Amino acid sequence: MPQPRKYETRAEQQAAYRQRRAASEQELLARKGLPPLPAIPTLPGHVRWRAMIKQAHTLLSQAADEMQSYHDDRSEPWQEGAGAEALLAKLDHIQESMVPLQEIE
């Protein structure tokens, strides 16, 4: 016995798919802490872009803090070695990249 159709027409099926997909995209943006996309895709999403830039700055700041803590928690001989120099060089690059990011807002 064939199963009853969930949707009467193909158009209803496609509309339901588009609705599920839009809800999924909204949920993904909400999980990332971003505001929803503009209703009309051609409108600029300044609020969304600012939120994304702020999130990037926050991530870089957290990475810099963790790297500094990692360096500080190591022994003095390690801090004088090549590993520490490489870590501090990366930390300097991260901190330098945060300056222009702050100026974007």
C-alpha atoms as a PDB file:
ATOM      1  CA  MET A   1       0.000   0.000   0.000  1.00  0.00           C
ATOM      2  CA  PRO A   2       1.527   3.345  -1.029  1.00  0.00           C
ATOM      3  CA  GLN A   3       2.090   5.945   1.635  1.00  0.00           C
ATOM      4  CA  PRO A   4      -0.118   9.034   1.567  1.00  0.00           C
ATOM      5  CA  ARG A   5       1.535  12.112   0.104  1.00  0.00           C
ATOM      6  CA  LYS A   6       2.815  14.615   2.603  1.00  0.00           C
ATOM      7  CA  TYR A   7       2.446  17.466   0.093  1.00  0.00           C
ATOM      8  CA  GLU A   8      -0.248  17.745  -2.523  1.00  0.00           C
ATOM      9  CA  THR A   9       1.969  19.348  -5.148  1.00  0.00           C
ATOM     10  CA  ARG A  10       5.636  19.678  -5.969  1.00  0.00           C
ATOM     11  CA  ALA A  11       5.350  23.428  -5.348  1.00  0.00           C
ATOM     12  CA  GLU A  12       4.240  22.816  -1.748  1.00  0.00           C
ATOM     13  CA  GLN A  13       7.127  20.407  -1.260  1.00  0.00           C
ATOM     14  CA  GLN A  14       9.643  22.946  -2.562  1.00  0.00           C
ATOM     15  CA  ALA A  15       8.161  25.743  -0.435  1.00  0.00           C
ATOM     16  CA  ALA A  16       8.466  23.564   2.672  1.00  0.00           C
ATOM     17  CA  TYR A  17      12.092  22.785   1.761  1.00  0.00           C
ATOM     18  CA  ARG A  18      12.923  26.481   1.341  1.00  0.00           C
ATOM     19  CA  GLN A  19      11.291  27.242   4.678  1.00  0.00           C
ATOM     20  CA  ARG A  20      13.263  24.481   6.461  1.00  0.00           C
ATOM     21  CA  ARG A  21      16.475  25.700   4.870  1.00  0.00           C
ATOM     22  CA  ALA A  22      15.877  29.337   5.891  1.00  0.00           C
ATOM     23  CA  ALA A  23      15.137  28.242   9.463  1.00  0.00           C
ATOM     24  CA  SER A  24      18.345  26.199   9.489  1.00  0.00           C
ATOM     25  CA  GLU A  25      20.410  29.191   8.305  1.00  0.00           C
ATOM     26  CA  GLN A  26      18.846  31.443  10.954  1.00  0.00           C
ATOM     27  CA  GLU A  27      19.623  28.859  13.637  1.00  0.00           C
ATOM     28  CA  LEU A  28      23.249  28.643  12.480  1.00  0.00           C
ATOM     29  CA  LEU A  29      23.651  32.438  12.617  1.00  0.00           C
ATOM     30  CA  ALA A  30      22.044  32.535  16.059  1.00  0.00           C
ATOM     31  CA  ARG A  31      24.412  29.823  17.315  1.00  0.00           C
ATOM     32  CA  LYS A  32      27.363  31.898  16.125  1.00  0.00           C
ATOM     33  CA  GLY A  33      25.937  34.953  17.852  1.00  0.00           C
ATOM     34  CA  LEU A  34      25.356  36.861  14.623  1.00  0.00           C
ATOM     35  CA  PRO A  35      22.249  38.903  13.862  1.00  0.00           C
ATOM     36  CA  PRO A  36      20.023  37.663  11.031  1.00  0.00           C
ATOM     37  CA  LEU A  37      20.781  38.491   7.415  1.00  0.00           C
ATOM     38  CA  PRO A  38      18.916  41.406   5.844  1.00  0.00           C
ATOM     39  CA  ALA A  39      15.550  40.504   4.344  1.00  0.00           C
ATOM     40  CA  ILE A  40      16.663  41.699   0.922  1.00  0.00           C
ATOM     41  CA  PRO A  41      20.024  40.125   0.017  1.00  0.00           C
ATOM     42  CA  THR A  42      21.199  43.232  -1.849  1.00  0.00           C
ATOM     43  CA  LEU A  43      21.004  45.393   1.291  1.00  0.00           C
ATOM     44  CA  PRO A  44      24.294  45.671   3.151  1.00  0.00           C
ATOM     45  CA  GLY A  45      24.480  43.876   6.462  1.00  0.00           C
ATOM     46  CA  HIS A  46      26.418  46.506   8.424  1.00  0.00           C
ATOM     47  CA  VAL A  47      25.198  45.242  11.786  1.00  0.00           C
ATOM     48  CA  ARG A  48      26.107  41.674  10.853  1.00  0.00           C
ATOM     49  CA  TRP A  49      29.528  42.732   9.567  1.00  0.00           C
ATOM     50  CA  ARG A  50      30.263  44.693  12.734  1.00  0.00           C
ATOM     51  CA  ALA A  51      29.300  41.671  14.805  1.00  0.00           C
ATOM     52  CA  MET A  52      31.588  39.450  12.726  1.00  0.00           C
ATOM     53  CA  ILE A  53      34.512  41.889  13.088  1.00  0.00           C
ATOM     54  CA  LYS A  54      33.909  42.101  16.834  1.00  0.00           C
ATOM     55  CA  GLN A  55      33.848  38.305  17.022  1.00  0.00           C
ATOM     56  CA  ALA A  56      37.139  38.100  15.085  1.00  0.00           C
ATOM     57  CA  HIS A  57      38.711  40.608  17.466  1.00  0.00           C
ATOM     58  CA  THR A  58      37.437  38.636  20.469  1.00  0.00           C
ATOM     59  CA  LEU A  59      38.882  35.387  19.096  1.00  0.00           C
ATOM     60  CA  LEU A  60      42.259  36.981  18.417  1.00  0.00           C
ATOM     61  CA  SER A  61      42.271  38.510  21.887  1.00  0.00           C
ATOM     62  CA  GLN A  62      41.488  35.141  23.470  1.00  0.00           C
ATOM     63  CA  ALA A  63      44.224  33.458  21.447  1.00  0.00           C
ATOM     64  CA  ALA A  64      46.746  36.107  22.506  1.00  0.00           C
ATOM     65  CA  ASP A  65      45.769  35.732  26.164  1.00  0.00           C
ATOM     66  CA  GLU A  66      46.057  31.932  26.005  1.00  0.00           C
ATOM     67  CA  MET A  67      49.427  32.110  24.257  1.00  0.00           C
ATOM     68  CA  GLN A  68      50.744  34.564  26.857  1.00  0.00           C
ATOM     69  CA  SER A  69      49.482  32.351  29.690  1.00  0.00           C
ATOM     70  CA  TYR A  70      51.082  29.320  28.063  1.00  0.00           C
ATOM     71  CA  HIS A  71      54.394  31.171  27.840  1.00  0.00           C
ATOM     72  CA  ASP A  72      54.193  32.402  31.427  1.00  0.00           C
ATOM     73  CA  ASP A  73      53.371  28.931  32.788  1.00  0.00           C
ATOM     74  CA  ARG A  74      56.487  27.333  31.264  1.00  0.00           C
ATOM     75  CA  SER A  75      59.813  26.936  33.027  1.00  0.00           C
ATOM     76  CA  GLU A  76      62.495  29.574  32.744  1.00  0.00           C
ATOM     77  CA  PRO A  77      64.787  27.381  30.594  1.00  0.00           C
ATOM     78  CA  TRP A  78      61.907  26.841  28.154  1.00  0.00           C
ATOM     79  CA  GLN A  79      61.169  30.575  28.061  1.00  0.00           C
ATOM     80  CA  GLU A  80      64.744  31.192  26.957  1.00  0.00           C
ATOM     81  CA  GLY A  81      64.604  28.564  24.183  1.00  0.00           C
ATOM     82  CA  ALA A  82      63.663  28.554  20.521  1.00  0.00           C
ATOM     83  CA  GLY A  83      60.109  27.365  21.193  1.00  0.00           C
ATOM     84  CA  ALA A  84      59.414  30.405  23.300  1.00  0.00           C
ATOM     85  CA  GLU A  85      60.865  32.708  20.652  1.00  0.00           C
ATOM     86  CA  ALA A  86      58.604  31.204  17.996  1.00  0.00           C
ATOM     87  CA  LEU A  87      55.582  31.508  20.270  1.00  0.00           C
ATOM     88  CA  LEU A  88      56.346  35.132  21.099  1.00  0.00           C
ATOM     89  CA  ALA A  89      56.823  35.923  17.402  1.00  0.00           C
ATOM     90  CA  LYS A  90      53.346  34.517  16.673  1.00  0.00           C
ATOM     91  CA  LEU A  91      51.951  36.424  19.629  1.00  0.00           C
ATOM     92  CA  ASP A  92      53.465  39.662  18.285  1.00  0.00           C
ATOM     93  CA  HIS A  93      51.873  39.031  14.861  1.00  0.00           C
ATOM     94  CA  ILE A  94      48.485  38.440  16.456  1.00  0.00           C
ATOM     95  CA  GLN A  95      48.722  41.600  18.533  1.00  0.00           C
ATOM     96  CA  GLU A  96      49.804  43.619  15.482  1.00  0.00           C
ATOM     97  CA  SER A  97      46.868  42.291  13.466  1.00  0.00           C
ATOM     98  CA  MET A  98      44.432  43.338  16.184  1.00  0.00           C
ATOM     99  CA  VAL A  99      45.315  47.043  15.827  1.00  0.00           C
ATOM    100  CA  PRO A 100      43.901  47.536  12.299  1.00  0.00           C
ATOM    101  CA  LEU A 101      40.947  45.377  13.218  1.00  0.00           C
ATOM    102  CA  GLN A 102      40.026  47.817  15.996  1.00  0.00           C
ATOM    103  CA  GLU A 103      40.191  50.716  13.552  1.00  0.00           C
ATOM    104  CA  ILE A 104      37.586  49.156  11.222  1.00  0.00           C
ATOM    105  CA  GLU A 105      34.667  49.960  13.501  1.00  0.00           C
END
